[in-house]
Amino acid sequence: MIEKTSTLQKVIEAVEALDIDAQILLIDIITKRLNQQRRDELLKEVAQAQHDYEQGSVRRGSVEDLMAELED
């Protein structure tokens, strides 16, 4: 944990050493990469859900069906 904190602190200090325009550019790059990672994760989840559905391991029903199943 201490090593991670130390590494993070070094990164923060390196970013603070950049001029404002470079910091803004860095934020933009990181934001775009994080958004792409989220899209990639979502695509994996959708693919897994489709696979589960095709394998028959997903059930369909109404809210009432779910509630009735939970009560059993």
PDB file of N, CA and C in Angstrom:
ATOM      1  N   MET A   1       0.827  -1.200   0.000  1.00  0.00           N
ATOM      2  CA  MET A   1       0.000   0.000   0.000  1.00  0.00           C
ATOM      3  C   MET A   1       0.865   1.254   0.000  1.00  0.00           C
ATOM      4  N   ILE A   2       1.930   1.219   0.816  1.00  0.00           N
ATOM      5  CA  ILE A   2       2.817   2.374   0.876  1.00  0.00           C
ATOM      6  C   ILE A   2       3.485   2.596  -0.476  1.00  0.00           C
ATOM      7  N   GLU A   3       3.859   1.505  -1.147  1.00  0.00           N
ATOM      8  CA  GLU A   3       4.497   1.620  -2.460  1.00  0.00           C
ATOM      9  C   GLU A   3       3.549   2.240  -3.472  1.00  0.00           C
ATOM     10  N   LYS A   4       2.278   1.839  -3.437  1.00  0.00           N
ATOM     11  CA  LYS A   4       1.300   2.422  -4.347  1.00  0.00           C
ATOM     12  C   LYS A   4       1.124   3.907  -4.071  1.00  0.00           C
ATOM     13  N   THR A   5       1.051   4.274  -2.804  1.00  0.00           N
ATOM     14  CA  THR A   5       0.900   5.679  -2.435  1.00  0.00           C
ATOM     15  C   THR A   5       2.108   6.473  -2.915  1.00  0.00           C
ATOM     16  N   SER A   6       3.283   5.913  -2.740  1.00  0.00           N
ATOM     17  CA  SER A   6       4.505   6.572  -3.171  1.00  0.00           C
ATOM     18  C   SER A   6       4.511   6.756  -4.686  1.00  0.00           C
ATOM     19  N   THR A   7       4.125   5.727  -5.423  1.00  0.00           N
ATOM     20  CA  THR A   7       4.069   5.807  -6.879  1.00  0.00           C
ATOM     21  C   THR A   7       3.049   6.839  -7.319  1.00  0.00           C
ATOM     22  N   LEU A   8       1.887   6.825  -6.700  1.00  0.00           N
ATOM     23  CA  LEU A   8       0.850   7.795  -7.032  1.00  0.00           C
ATOM     24  C   LEU A   8       1.332   9.209  -6.736  1.00  0.00           C
ATOM     25  N   GLN A   9       1.984   9.391  -5.619  1.00  0.00           N
ATOM     26  CA  GLN A   9       2.503  10.715  -5.272  1.00  0.00           C
ATOM     27  C   GLN A   9       3.513  11.187  -6.312  1.00  0.00           C
ATOM     28  N   LYS A  10       4.357  10.275  -6.786  1.00  0.00           N
ATOM     29  CA  LYS A  10       5.341  10.634  -7.810  1.00  0.00           C
ATOM     30  C   LYS A  10       4.651  11.045  -9.103  1.00  0.00           C
ATOM     31  N   VAL A  11       3.590  10.334  -9.456  1.00  0.00           N
ATOM     32  CA  VAL A  11       2.841  10.667 -10.671  1.00  0.00           C
ATOM     33  C   VAL A  11       2.205  12.045 -10.528  1.00  0.00           C
ATOM     34  N   ILE A  12       1.612  12.296  -9.374  1.00  0.00           N
ATOM     35  CA  ILE A  12       0.981  13.600  -9.140  1.00  0.00           C
ATOM     36  C   ILE A  12       2.020  14.717  -9.244  1.00  0.00           C
ATOM     37  N   GLU A  13       3.158  14.509  -8.660  1.00  0.00           N
ATOM     38  CA  GLU A  13       4.211  15.515  -8.722  1.00  0.00           C
ATOM     39  C   GLU A  13       4.686  15.731 -10.156  1.00  0.00           C
ATOM     40  N   ALA A  14       4.791  14.640 -10.928  1.00  0.00           N
ATOM     41  CA  ALA A  14       5.213  14.766 -12.322  1.00  0.00           C
ATOM     42  C   ALA A  14       4.175  15.545 -13.127  1.00  0.00           C
ATOM     43  N   VAL A  15       2.901  15.281 -12.869  1.00  0.00           N
ATOM     44  CA  VAL A  15       1.832  15.989 -13.576  1.00  0.00           C
ATOM     45  C   VAL A  15       1.843  17.463 -13.191  1.00  0.00           C
ATOM     46  N   GLU A  16       2.030  17.749 -11.923  1.00  0.00           N
ATOM     47  CA  GLU A  16       2.063  19.142 -11.470  1.00  0.00           C
ATOM     48  C   GLU A  16       3.249  19.900 -12.069  1.00  0.00           C
ATOM     49  N   ALA A  17       4.290  19.189 -12.448  1.00  0.00           N
ATOM     50  CA  ALA A  17       5.463  19.833 -13.052  1.00  0.00           C
ATOM     51  C   ALA A  17       5.195  20.245 -14.504  1.00  0.00           C
ATOM     52  N   LEU A  18       4.157  19.668 -15.103  1.00  0.00           N
ATOM     53  CA  LEU A  18       3.803  20.023 -16.478  1.00  0.00           C
ATOM     54  C   LEU A  18       3.148  21.391 -16.518  1.00  0.00           C
ATOM     55  N   ASP A  19       3.235  22.046 -17.688  1.00  0.00           N
ATOM     56  CA  ASP A  19       2.504  23.304 -17.817  1.00  0.00           C
ATOM     57  C   ASP A  19       1.010  23.002 -17.943  1.00  0.00           C
ATOM     58  N   ILE A  20       0.197  24.010 -17.778  1.00  0.00           N
ATOM     59  CA  ILE A  20      -1.261  23.843 -17.760  1.00  0.00           C
ATOM     60  C   ILE A  20      -1.769  23.164 -19.034  1.00  0.00           C
ATOM     61  N   ASP A  21      -1.279  23.587 -20.199  1.00  0.00           N
ATOM     62  CA  ASP A  21      -1.754  22.985 -21.453  1.00  0.00           C
ATOM     63  C   ASP A  21      -1.451  21.493 -21.500  1.00  0.00           C
ATOM     64  N   ALA A  22      -0.280  21.100 -21.033  1.00  0.00           N
ATOM     65  CA  ALA A  22       0.075  19.684 -21.011  1.00  0.00           C
ATOM     66  C   ALA A  22      -0.800  18.926 -20.018  1.00  0.00           C
ATOM     67  N   GLN A  23      -1.123  19.535 -18.881  1.00  0.00           N
ATOM     68  CA  GLN A  23      -1.997  18.891 -17.905  1.00  0.00           C
ATOM     69  C   GLN A  23      -3.390  18.691 -18.490  1.00  0.00           C
ATOM     70  N   ILE A  24      -3.890  19.694 -19.199  1.00  0.00           N
ATOM     71  CA  ILE A  24      -5.213  19.576 -19.827  1.00  0.00           C
ATOM     72  C   ILE A  24      -5.198  18.472 -20.881  1.00  0.00           C
ATOM     73  N   LEU A  25      -4.137  18.416 -21.680  1.00  0.00           N
ATOM     74  CA  LEU A  25      -4.012  17.369 -22.684  1.00  0.00           C
ATOM     75  C   LEU A  25      -3.964  15.992 -22.027  1.00  0.00           C
ATOM     76  N   LEU A  26      -3.220  15.864 -20.946  1.00  0.00           N
ATOM     77  CA  LEU A  26      -3.126  14.603 -20.219  1.00  0.00           C
ATOM     78  C   LEU A  26      -4.491  14.170 -19.687  1.00  0.00           C
ATOM     79  N   ILE A  27      -5.226  15.096 -19.124  1.00  0.00           N
ATOM     80  CA  ILE A  27      -6.572  14.781 -18.624  1.00  0.00           C
ATOM     81  C   ILE A  27      -7.456  14.289 -19.765  1.00  0.00           C
ATOM     82  N   ASP A  28      -7.369  14.951 -20.907  1.00  0.00           N
ATOM     83  CA  ASP A  28      -8.165  14.550 -22.067  1.00  0.00           C
ATOM     84  C   ASP A  28      -7.798  13.135 -22.515  1.00  0.00           C
ATOM     85  N   ILE A  29      -6.510  12.844 -22.588  1.00  0.00           N
ATOM     86  CA  ILE A  29      -6.053  11.516 -23.001  1.00  0.00           C
ATOM     87  C   ILE A  29      -6.517  10.449 -22.017  1.00  0.00           C
ATOM     88  N   ILE A  30      -6.346  10.707 -20.737  1.00  0.00           N
ATOM     89  CA  ILE A  30      -6.747   9.734 -19.716  1.00  0.00           C
ATOM     90  C   ILE A  30      -8.250   9.511 -19.742  1.00  0.00           C
ATOM     91  N   THR A  31      -9.005  10.585 -19.882  1.00  0.00           N
ATOM     92  CA  THR A  31     -10.463  10.472 -19.941  1.00  0.00           C
ATOM     93  C   THR A  31     -10.894   9.610 -21.123  1.00  0.00           C
ATOM     94  N   LYS A  32     -10.289   9.846 -22.282  1.00  0.00           N
ATOM     95  CA  LYS A  32     -10.650   9.059 -23.470  1.00  0.00           C
ATOM     96  C   LYS A  32     -10.283   7.590 -23.286  1.00  0.00           C
ATOM     97  N   ARG A  33      -9.138   7.337 -22.687  1.00  0.00           N
ATOM     98  CA  ARG A  33      -8.731   5.946 -22.465  1.00  0.00           C
ATOM     99  C   ARG A  33      -9.641   5.250 -21.464  1.00  0.00           C
ATOM    100  N   LEU A  34     -10.022   5.959 -20.413  1.00  0.00           N
ATOM    101  CA  LEU A  34     -10.950   5.371 -19.438  1.00  0.00           C
ATOM    102  C   LEU A  34     -12.299   5.074 -20.074  1.00  0.00           C
ATOM    103  N   ASN A  35     -12.779   5.992 -20.896  1.00  0.00           N
ATOM    104  CA  ASN A  35     -14.043   5.768 -21.595  1.00  0.00           C
ATOM    105  C   ASN A  35     -13.955   4.554 -22.514  1.00  0.00           C
ATOM    106  N   GLN A  36     -12.816   4.391 -23.202  1.00  0.00           N
ATOM    107  CA  GLN A  36     -12.641   3.235 -24.076  1.00  0.00           C
ATOM    108  C   GLN A  36     -12.606   1.951 -23.256  1.00  0.00           C
ATOM    109  N   GLN A  37     -11.940   1.977 -22.106  1.00  0.00           N
ATOM    110  CA  GLN A  37     -11.910   0.798 -21.240  1.00  0.00           C
ATOM    111  C   GLN A  37     -13.308   0.432 -20.776  1.00  0.00           C
ATOM    112  N   ARG A  38     -14.122   1.437 -20.435  1.00  0.00           N
ATOM    113  CA  ARG A  38     -15.510   1.173 -20.021  1.00  0.00           C
ATOM    114  C   ARG A  38     -16.301   0.554 -21.168  1.00  0.00           C
ATOM    115  N   ARG A  39     -16.121   1.097 -22.385  1.00  0.00           N
ATOM    116  CA  ARG A  39     -16.819   0.526 -23.551  1.00  0.00           C
ATOM    117  C   ARG A  39     -16.396  -0.923 -23.770  1.00  0.00           C
ATOM    118  N   ASP A  40     -15.093  -1.181 -23.675  1.00  0.00           N
ATOM    119  CA  ASP A  40     -14.591  -2.546 -23.864  1.00  0.00           C
ATOM    120  C   ASP A  40     -15.183  -3.500 -22.824  1.00  0.00           C
ATOM    121  N   GLU A  41     -15.247  -3.055 -21.569  1.00  0.00           N
ATOM    122  CA  GLU A  41     -15.824  -3.892 -20.517  1.00  0.00           C
ATOM    123  C   GLU A  41     -17.301  -4.146 -20.769  1.00  0.00           C
ATOM    124  N   LEU A  42     -18.009  -3.109 -21.195  1.00  0.00           N
ATOM    125  CA  LEU A  42     -19.429  -3.265 -21.488  1.00  0.00           C
ATOM    126  C   LEU A  42     -19.638  -4.247 -22.631  1.00  0.00           C
ATOM    127  N   LEU A  43     -18.814  -4.155 -23.664  1.00  0.00           N
ATOM    128  CA  LEU A  43     -18.927  -5.092 -24.782  1.00  0.00           C
ATOM    129  C   LEU A  43     -18.693  -6.532 -24.328  1.00  0.00           C
ATOM    130  N   LYS A  44     -17.732  -6.730 -23.431  1.00  0.00           N
ATOM    131  CA  LYS A  44     -17.486  -8.072 -22.892  1.00  0.00           C
ATOM    132  C   LYS A  44     -18.697  -8.567 -22.111  1.00  0.00           C
ATOM    133  N   GLU A  45     -19.290  -7.676 -21.307  1.00  0.00           N
ATOM    134  CA  GLU A  45     -20.462  -8.067 -20.519  1.00  0.00           C
ATOM    135  C   GLU A  45     -21.638  -8.411 -21.425  1.00  0.00           C
ATOM    136  N   VAL A  46     -21.831  -7.640 -22.473  1.00  0.00           N
ATOM    137  CA  VAL A  46     -22.919  -7.916 -23.418  1.00  0.00           C
ATOM    138  C   VAL A  46     -22.676  -9.249 -24.110  1.00  0.00           C
ATOM    139  N   ALA A  47     -21.435  -9.488 -24.538  1.00  0.00           N
ATOM    140  CA  ALA A  47     -21.107 -10.756 -25.195  1.00  0.00           C
ATOM    141  C   ALA A  47     -21.344 -11.924 -24.243  1.00  0.00           C
ATOM    142  N   GLN A  48     -20.973 -11.765 -22.975  1.00  0.00           N
ATOM    143  CA  GLN A  48     -21.185 -12.826 -21.992  1.00  0.00           C
ATOM    144  C   GLN A  48     -22.677 -13.048 -21.768  1.00  0.00           C
ATOM    145  N   ALA A  49     -23.445 -11.973 -21.699  1.00  0.00           N
ATOM    146  CA  ALA A  49     -24.890 -12.099 -21.507  1.00  0.00           C
ATOM    147  C   ALA A  49     -25.532 -12.804 -22.702  1.00  0.00           C
ATOM    148  N   GLN A  50     -25.084 -12.472 -23.905  1.00  0.00           N
ATOM    149  CA  GLN A  50     -25.611 -13.143 -25.095  1.00  0.00           C
ATOM    150  C   GLN A  50     -25.254 -14.625 -25.072  1.00  0.00           C
ATOM    151  N   HIS A  51     -24.035 -14.931 -24.691  1.00  0.00           N
ATOM    152  CA  HIS A  51     -23.601 -16.323 -24.601  1.00  0.00           C
ATOM    153  C   HIS A  51     -24.448 -17.076 -23.569  1.00  0.00           C
ATOM    154  N   ASP A  52     -24.622 -16.469 -22.398  1.00  0.00           N
ATOM    155  CA  ASP A  52     -25.429 -17.102 -21.347  1.00  0.00           C
ATOM    156  C   ASP A  52     -26.857 -17.333 -21.820  1.00  0.00           C
ATOM    157  N   TYR A  53     -27.415 -16.367 -22.549  1.00  0.00           N
ATOM    158  CA  TYR A  53     -28.773 -16.504 -23.064  1.00  0.00           C
ATOM    159  C   TYR A  53     -28.850 -17.654 -24.061  1.00  0.00           C
ATOM    160  N   GLU A  54     -27.867 -17.711 -24.967  1.00  0.00           N
ATOM    161  CA  GLU A  54     -27.856 -18.778 -25.967  1.00  0.00           C
ATOM    162  C   GLU A  54     -27.683 -20.151 -25.334  1.00  0.00           C
ATOM    163  N   GLN A  55     -26.969 -20.212 -24.209  1.00  0.00           N
ATOM    164  CA  GLN A  55     -26.759 -21.471 -23.509  1.00  0.00           C
ATOM    165  C   GLN A  55     -27.948 -21.844 -22.628  1.00  0.00           C
ATOM    166  N   GLY A  56     -28.905 -20.948 -22.512  1.00  0.00           N
ATOM    167  CA  GLY A  56     -30.092 -21.212 -21.707  1.00  0.00           C
ATOM    168  C   GLY A  56     -29.883 -21.011 -20.220  1.00  0.00           C
ATOM    169  N   SER A  57     -28.832 -20.316 -19.847  1.00  0.00           N
ATOM    170  CA  SER A  57     -28.587 -20.115 -18.416  1.00  0.00           C
ATOM    171  C   SER A  57     -29.143 -18.787 -17.908  1.00  0.00           C
ATOM    172  N   VAL A  58     -29.989 -18.152 -18.722  1.00  0.00           N
ATOM    173  CA  VAL A  58     -30.639 -16.906 -18.332  1.00  0.00           C
ATOM    174  C   VAL A  58     -32.146 -17.146 -18.377  1.00  0.00           C
ATOM    175  N   ARG A  59     -32.811 -16.694 -17.343  1.00  0.00           N
ATOM    176  CA  ARG A  59     -34.264 -16.856 -17.314  1.00  0.00           C
ATOM    177  C   ARG A  59     -34.937 -15.541 -17.634  1.00  0.00           C
ATOM    178  N   ARG A  60     -36.113 -15.656 -18.217  1.00  0.00           N
ATOM    179  CA  ARG A  60     -36.915 -14.477 -18.532  1.00  0.00           C
ATOM    180  C   ARG A  60     -38.205 -14.535 -17.745  1.00  0.00           C
ATOM    181  N   GLY A  61     -38.748 -13.370 -17.469  1.00  0.00           N
ATOM    182  CA  GLY A  61     -40.018 -13.313 -16.775  1.00  0.00           C
ATOM    183  C   GLY A  61     -40.326 -11.909 -16.327  1.00  0.00           C
ATOM    184  N   SER A  62     -41.470 -11.770 -15.707  1.00  0.00           N
ATOM    185  CA  SER A  62     -41.899 -10.468 -15.214  1.00  0.00           C
ATOM    186  C   SER A  62     -41.346 -10.234 -13.815  1.00  0.00           C
ATOM    187  N   VAL A  63     -41.558  -9.038 -13.323  1.00  0.00           N
ATOM    188  CA  VAL A  63     -41.159  -8.717 -11.951  1.00  0.00           C
ATOM    189  C   VAL A  63     -41.910  -9.617 -10.978  1.00  0.00           C
ATOM    190  N   GLU A  64     -43.168  -9.880 -11.288  1.00  0.00           N
ATOM    191  CA  GLU A  64     -43.964 -10.755 -10.431  1.00  0.00           C
ATOM    192  C   GLU A  64     -43.366 -12.161 -10.394  1.00  0.00           C
ATOM    193  N   ASP A  65     -42.897 -12.650 -11.548  1.00  0.00           N
ATOM    194  CA  ASP A  65     -42.245 -13.966 -11.596  1.00  0.00           C
ATOM    195  C   ASP A  65     -41.007 -13.985 -10.724  1.00  0.00           C
ATOM    196  N   LEU A  66     -40.223 -12.937 -10.803  1.00  0.00           N
ATOM    197  CA  LEU A  66     -39.003 -12.847  -9.986  1.00  0.00           C
ATOM    198  C   LEU A  66     -39.343 -12.830  -8.508  1.00  0.00           C
ATOM    199  N   MET A  67     -40.308 -12.018  -8.145  1.00  0.00           N
ATOM    200  CA  MET A  67     -40.682 -11.920  -6.737  1.00  0.00           C
ATOM    201  C   MET A  67     -41.207 -13.251  -6.218  1.00  0.00           C
ATOM    202  N   ALA A  68     -42.002 -13.938  -7.031  1.00  0.00           N
ATOM    203  CA  ALA A  68     -42.538 -15.242  -6.633  1.00  0.00           C
ATOM    204  C   ALA A  68     -41.386 -16.248  -6.461  1.00  0.00           C
ATOM    205  N   GLU A  69     -40.418 -16.207  -7.327  1.00  0.00           N
ATOM    206  CA  GLU A  69     -39.282 -17.116  -7.223  1.00  0.00           C
ATOM    207  C   GLU A  69     -38.456 -16.802  -5.976  1.00  0.00           C
ATOM    208  N   LEU A  70     -38.280 -15.543  -5.668  1.00  0.00           N
ATOM    209  CA  LEU A  70     -37.514 -15.155  -4.489  1.00  0.00           C
ATOM    210  C   LEU A  70     -38.211 -15.576  -3.190  1.00  0.00           C
ATOM    211  N   GLU A  71     -39.537 -15.605  -3.217  1.00  0.00           N
ATOM    212  CA  GLU A  71     -40.299 -15.989  -2.033  1.00  0.00           C
ATOM    213  C   GLU A  71     -40.259 -17.498  -1.797  1.00  0.00           C
ATOM    214  N   ASP A  72     -40.017 -18.257  -2.852  1.00  0.00           N
ATOM    215  CA  ASP A  72     -39.991 -19.736  -2.710  1.00  0.00           C
ATOM    216  C   ASP A  72     -38.746 -20.231  -2.036  1.00  0.00           C
TER     217      ASP A  72
END
